[in-house]
Amino acid sequence: MNRKLRLSQEAQDCLSKLAGDPHSAGLLKQVRKVLVLLETNLRHPSLNTHKFKSIQGPDGEEAFEAYVQNQTPGAYRVFFHYGPDLIEGGRRIPVITVISITPHP
């Protein structure tokens, strides 16, 4: 099931920072791959998606963590929550809101 991806301002800022740093080109490519997988295949094994208890969405939504990197010092993670869904033309479109893209805490 395809979902629509929504980025918080914090996530947008992180992507802009990575895009502006030529030394982060490889990391930016990995982050973009994860974002595509979140839209198209949430169960992809490389994401290792699971609940993350220390963070919540702005309205108390359960937050989840997806791996960008693994077994790397300061490995990057994408934190997200489900919703709020959109209604377009009478159809409900599931949304994933990316809260943050950051090195593992």
N, C-alpha and C. Protein backbone atom coordinates (compact mmCIF):
# COMPACT_ATOMS: atom_id res chain seq x y z
N MET A 1 0.84 -1.18 0.00
CA MET A 1 0.00 0.00 0.00
C MET A 1 0.89 1.24 0.00
N ASN A 2 0.66 2.11 -0.95
CA ASN A 2 1.41 3.36 -0.98
C ASN A 2 0.82 4.35 0.00
N ARG A 3 1.69 5.09 0.63
CA ARG A 3 1.29 6.10 1.59
C ARG A 3 1.87 7.43 1.15
N LYS A 4 1.30 8.48 1.65
CA LYS A 4 1.84 9.81 1.38
C LYS A 4 2.78 10.17 2.53
N LEU A 5 3.90 10.74 2.20
CA LEU A 5 4.88 11.12 3.20
C LEU A 5 4.79 12.62 3.46
N ARG A 6 4.76 12.98 4.72
CA ARG A 6 4.75 14.39 5.13
C ARG A 6 5.98 14.59 6.02
N LEU A 7 6.74 15.63 5.78
CA LEU A 7 7.94 15.92 6.56
C LEU A 7 7.70 17.08 7.50
N SER A 8 8.07 16.91 8.77
CA SER A 8 8.01 18.03 9.71
C SER A 8 9.07 19.05 9.31
N GLN A 9 9.00 20.23 9.89
CA GLN A 9 10.00 21.26 9.59
C GLN A 9 11.39 20.77 9.99
N GLU A 10 11.49 20.08 11.12
CA GLU A 10 12.78 19.55 11.57
C GLU A 10 13.35 18.56 10.55
N ALA A 11 12.52 17.68 10.01
CA ALA A 11 12.98 16.71 9.02
C ALA A 11 13.39 17.43 7.73
N GLN A 12 12.62 18.44 7.31
CA GLN A 12 12.97 19.21 6.12
C GLN A 12 14.32 19.91 6.30
N ASP A 13 14.54 20.47 7.49
CA ASP A 13 15.80 21.16 7.77
C ASP A 13 16.98 20.19 7.69
N CYS A 14 16.80 18.99 8.22
CA CYS A 14 17.87 17.99 8.18
C CYS A 14 18.18 17.60 6.73
N LEU A 15 17.15 17.38 5.93
CA LEU A 15 17.38 17.05 4.52
C LEU A 15 18.11 18.19 3.79
N SER A 16 17.71 19.41 4.06
CA SER A 16 18.38 20.56 3.43
C SER A 16 19.84 20.64 3.84
N LYS A 17 20.11 20.39 5.11
CA LYS A 17 21.48 20.42 5.61
C LYS A 17 22.33 19.33 4.93
N LEU A 18 21.77 18.13 4.81
CA LEU A 18 22.49 17.04 4.15
C LEU A 18 22.72 17.35 2.68
N ALA A 19 21.70 17.92 2.01
CA ALA A 19 21.82 18.25 0.59
C ALA A 19 22.86 19.34 0.34
N GLY A 20 23.05 20.22 1.32
CA GLY A 20 24.00 21.31 1.17
C GLY A 20 25.44 20.95 1.50
N ASP A 21 25.65 19.73 2.00
CA ASP A 21 27.00 19.30 2.39
C ASP A 21 27.50 18.23 1.42
N PRO A 22 28.50 18.56 0.59
CA PRO A 22 28.98 17.58 -0.39
C PRO A 22 29.56 16.31 0.26
N HIS A 23 30.00 16.41 1.51
CA HIS A 23 30.54 15.25 2.20
C HIS A 23 29.45 14.28 2.66
N SER A 24 28.20 14.72 2.61
CA SER A 24 27.07 13.90 3.06
C SER A 24 26.28 13.30 1.90
N ALA A 25 26.84 13.29 0.71
CA ALA A 25 26.11 12.80 -0.47
C ALA A 25 25.67 11.35 -0.29
N GLY A 26 26.54 10.50 0.22
CA GLY A 26 26.19 9.09 0.42
C GLY A 26 25.09 8.93 1.46
N LEU A 27 25.19 9.68 2.55
CA LEU A 27 24.18 9.63 3.60
C LEU A 27 22.83 10.14 3.07
N LEU A 28 22.85 11.21 2.29
CA LEU A 28 21.62 11.76 1.71
C LEU A 28 20.95 10.72 0.82
N LYS A 29 21.73 9.99 0.04
CA LYS A 29 21.17 8.94 -0.82
C LYS A 29 20.52 7.85 0.04
N GLN A 30 21.14 7.48 1.16
CA GLN A 30 20.58 6.46 2.04
C GLN A 30 19.28 6.95 2.68
N VAL A 31 19.25 8.21 3.11
CA VAL A 31 18.05 8.77 3.71
C VAL A 31 16.91 8.79 2.69
N ARG A 32 17.20 9.21 1.48
CA ARG A 32 16.16 9.25 0.45
C ARG A 32 15.60 7.86 0.15
N LYS A 33 16.47 6.86 0.16
CA LYS A 33 16.02 5.48 -0.06
C LYS A 33 15.04 5.06 1.03
N VAL A 34 15.37 5.38 2.28
CA VAL A 34 14.49 5.03 3.40
C VAL A 34 13.15 5.74 3.26
N LEU A 35 13.16 7.00 2.86
CA LEU A 35 11.90 7.73 2.69
C LEU A 35 11.02 7.09 1.61
N VAL A 36 11.64 6.63 0.53
CA VAL A 36 10.88 5.94 -0.52
C VAL A 36 10.30 4.64 0.03
N LEU A 37 11.10 3.89 0.80
CA LEU A 37 10.61 2.64 1.37
C LEU A 37 9.48 2.88 2.36
N LEU A 38 9.53 3.96 3.11
CA LEU A 38 8.44 4.27 4.03
C LEU A 38 7.14 4.50 3.27
N GLU A 39 7.23 5.08 2.09
CA GLU A 39 6.03 5.31 1.28
C GLU A 39 5.51 4.04 0.63
N THR A 40 6.41 3.15 0.25
CA THR A 40 6.02 2.02 -0.58
C THR A 40 6.04 0.66 0.11
N ASN A 41 6.92 0.46 1.09
CA ASN A 41 7.07 -0.87 1.68
C ASN A 41 7.56 -0.76 3.12
N LEU A 42 6.65 -0.43 4.02
CA LEU A 42 7.01 -0.25 5.43
C LEU A 42 7.61 -1.50 6.07
N ARG A 43 7.34 -2.65 5.51
CA ARG A 43 7.81 -3.90 6.09
C ARG A 43 9.14 -4.37 5.49
N HIS A 44 9.79 -3.52 4.72
CA HIS A 44 11.08 -3.91 4.13
C HIS A 44 12.05 -4.23 5.27
N PRO A 45 12.73 -5.38 5.21
CA PRO A 45 13.59 -5.81 6.32
C PRO A 45 14.72 -4.83 6.66
N SER A 46 15.22 -4.09 5.69
CA SER A 46 16.34 -3.19 5.97
C SER A 46 15.93 -2.01 6.86
N LEU A 47 14.62 -1.69 6.89
CA LEU A 47 14.16 -0.58 7.72
C LEU A 47 14.21 -0.92 9.20
N ASN A 48 14.03 -2.18 9.53
CA ASN A 48 14.01 -2.62 10.93
C ASN A 48 13.10 -1.70 11.76
N THR A 49 11.91 -1.44 11.24
CA THR A 49 10.96 -0.51 11.86
C THR A 49 10.43 -1.06 13.18
N HIS A 50 10.42 -0.21 14.20
CA HIS A 50 9.88 -0.59 15.50
C HIS A 50 9.47 0.65 16.29
N LYS A 51 8.63 0.43 17.32
CA LYS A 51 8.19 1.53 18.17
C LYS A 51 9.38 2.14 18.88
N PHE A 52 9.29 3.45 19.11
CA PHE A 52 10.32 4.17 19.84
C PHE A 52 9.62 4.93 20.95
N LYS A 53 9.88 4.56 22.17
CA LYS A 53 9.10 5.05 23.30
C LYS A 53 9.47 6.45 23.78
N SER A 54 10.66 6.93 23.47
CA SER A 54 11.12 8.22 24.00
C SER A 54 10.58 9.42 23.24
N ILE A 55 9.97 9.20 22.09
CA ILE A 55 9.47 10.29 21.26
C ILE A 55 7.99 10.03 20.98
N GLN A 56 7.22 11.10 20.90
CA GLN A 56 5.81 11.02 20.51
C GLN A 56 5.53 12.05 19.44
N GLY A 57 4.45 11.83 18.71
CA GLY A 57 4.00 12.82 17.75
C GLY A 57 3.45 14.03 18.49
N PRO A 58 3.15 15.11 17.79
CA PRO A 58 2.69 16.34 18.43
C PRO A 58 1.37 16.19 19.20
N ASP A 59 0.56 15.22 18.82
CA ASP A 59 -0.71 14.99 19.53
C ASP A 59 -0.67 13.69 20.33
N GLY A 60 0.54 13.27 20.72
CA GLY A 60 0.70 12.07 21.53
C GLY A 60 0.69 10.77 20.74
N GLU A 61 0.81 10.83 19.41
CA GLU A 61 0.83 9.62 18.59
C GLU A 61 2.05 8.76 18.93
N GLU A 62 1.89 7.45 18.77
CA GLU A 62 3.02 6.55 18.95
C GLU A 62 4.04 6.84 17.86
N ALA A 63 5.32 6.88 18.23
CA ALA A 63 6.37 7.13 17.25
C ALA A 63 7.10 5.82 16.94
N PHE A 64 7.66 5.78 15.75
CA PHE A 64 8.38 4.61 15.28
C PHE A 64 9.74 5.05 14.75
N GLU A 65 10.65 4.10 14.71
CA GLU A 65 12.02 4.34 14.25
C GLU A 65 12.29 3.43 13.07
N ALA A 66 12.96 3.96 12.04
CA ALA A 66 13.41 3.16 10.91
C ALA A 66 14.90 3.42 10.73
N TYR A 67 15.64 2.37 10.41
CA TYR A 67 17.09 2.48 10.25
C TYR A 67 17.44 3.07 8.89
N VAL A 68 18.34 4.03 8.89
CA VAL A 68 18.97 4.50 7.66
C VAL A 68 20.29 3.75 7.51
N GLN A 69 20.98 3.61 8.62
CA GLN A 69 22.26 2.89 8.66
C GLN A 69 22.22 1.92 9.84
N ASN A 70 23.08 0.93 9.78
CA ASN A 70 23.17 -0.04 10.86
C ASN A 70 24.64 -0.37 11.10
N GLN A 71 24.98 -0.61 12.33
CA GLN A 71 26.34 -0.97 12.72
C GLN A 71 27.35 0.06 12.22
N THR A 72 26.99 1.32 12.37
CA THR A 72 27.83 2.45 12.00
C THR A 72 27.82 3.41 13.18
N PRO A 73 28.98 3.91 13.60
CA PRO A 73 28.96 4.90 14.68
C PRO A 73 28.10 6.10 14.30
N GLY A 74 27.20 6.50 15.18
CA GLY A 74 26.31 7.63 14.90
C GLY A 74 25.33 7.32 13.78
N ALA A 75 24.91 6.06 13.66
CA ALA A 75 24.02 5.63 12.58
C ALA A 75 22.75 6.49 12.56
N TYR A 76 22.35 6.89 11.37
CA TYR A 76 21.17 7.74 11.22
C TYR A 76 19.89 6.92 11.32
N ARG A 77 18.85 7.58 11.84
CA ARG A 77 17.53 7.00 11.99
C ARG A 77 16.48 7.99 11.50
N VAL A 78 15.34 7.46 11.08
CA VAL A 78 14.19 8.27 10.72
C VAL A 78 13.10 7.95 11.73
N PHE A 79 12.58 8.98 12.39
CA PHE A 79 11.50 8.82 13.37
C PHE A 79 10.22 9.35 12.74
N PHE A 80 9.13 8.59 12.90
CA PHE A 80 7.87 8.96 12.24
C PHE A 80 6.68 8.50 13.06
N HIS A 81 5.52 9.01 12.69
CA HIS A 81 4.26 8.53 13.25
C HIS A 81 3.24 8.46 12.12
N TYR A 82 2.15 7.74 12.36
CA TYR A 82 1.09 7.60 11.36
C TYR A 82 0.09 8.75 11.50
N GLY A 83 -0.32 9.30 10.36
CA GLY A 83 -1.38 10.29 10.34
C GLY A 83 -0.87 11.71 10.40
N PRO A 84 -1.74 12.67 10.37
CA PRO A 84 -3.16 12.50 10.10
C PRO A 84 -3.41 12.21 8.62
N ASP A 85 -4.34 11.30 8.35
CA ASP A 85 -4.65 10.92 6.98
C ASP A 85 -5.32 12.06 6.23
N LEU A 86 -5.21 12.02 4.91
CA LEU A 86 -5.82 13.03 4.04
C LEU A 86 -7.08 12.46 3.41
N ILE A 87 -8.00 13.32 3.07
CA ILE A 87 -9.18 12.93 2.31
C ILE A 87 -9.14 13.74 1.01
N GLU A 88 -9.02 13.02 -0.11
CA GLU A 88 -8.99 13.67 -1.42
C GLU A 88 -10.01 12.99 -2.31
N GLY A 89 -10.95 13.75 -2.83
CA GLY A 89 -11.97 13.19 -3.71
C GLY A 89 -12.79 12.10 -3.05
N GLY A 90 -13.00 12.22 -1.75
CA GLY A 90 -13.77 11.22 -1.03
C GLY A 90 -12.98 9.98 -0.65
N ARG A 91 -11.70 9.94 -1.02
CA ARG A 91 -10.83 8.80 -0.69
C ARG A 91 -9.92 9.14 0.46
N ARG A 92 -9.75 8.18 1.36
CA ARG A 92 -8.82 8.33 2.47
C ARG A 92 -7.42 7.94 2.00
N ILE A 93 -6.46 8.82 2.22
CA ILE A 93 -5.07 8.55 1.83
C ILE A 93 -4.24 8.47 3.10
N PRO A 94 -3.65 7.28 3.38
CA PRO A 94 -2.84 7.14 4.59
C PRO A 94 -1.58 8.01 4.51
N VAL A 95 -1.23 8.63 5.62
CA VAL A 95 -0.07 9.52 5.68
C VAL A 95 0.89 9.06 6.77
N ILE A 96 2.17 9.16 6.46
CA ILE A 96 3.23 8.96 7.45
C ILE A 96 3.90 10.31 7.62
N THR A 97 3.99 10.78 8.86
CA THR A 97 4.64 12.06 9.14
C THR A 97 6.02 11.78 9.72
N VAL A 98 7.04 12.25 9.02
CA VAL A 98 8.42 12.09 9.50
C VAL A 98 8.67 13.21 10.50
N ILE A 99 9.00 12.79 11.72
CA ILE A 99 9.24 13.74 12.81
C ILE A 99 10.66 14.28 12.74
N SER A 100 11.61 13.36 12.53
CA SER A 100 13.02 13.74 12.59
C SER A 100 13.89 12.75 11.83
N ILE A 101 15.00 13.26 11.31
CA ILE A 101 16.03 12.44 10.68
C ILE A 101 17.32 12.82 11.42
N THR A 102 17.88 11.88 12.15
CA THR A 102 18.95 12.25 13.06
C THR A 102 19.86 11.06 13.35
N PRO A 103 21.09 11.33 13.82
CA PRO A 103 21.93 10.23 14.30
C PRO A 103 21.26 9.54 15.48
N HIS A 104 21.51 8.27 15.63
CA HIS A 104 20.91 7.51 16.72
C HIS A 104 21.22 8.15 18.07
N PRO A 105 20.16 8.35 18.87
CA PRO A 105 20.39 9.01 20.18
C PRO A 105 21.20 8.15 21.13
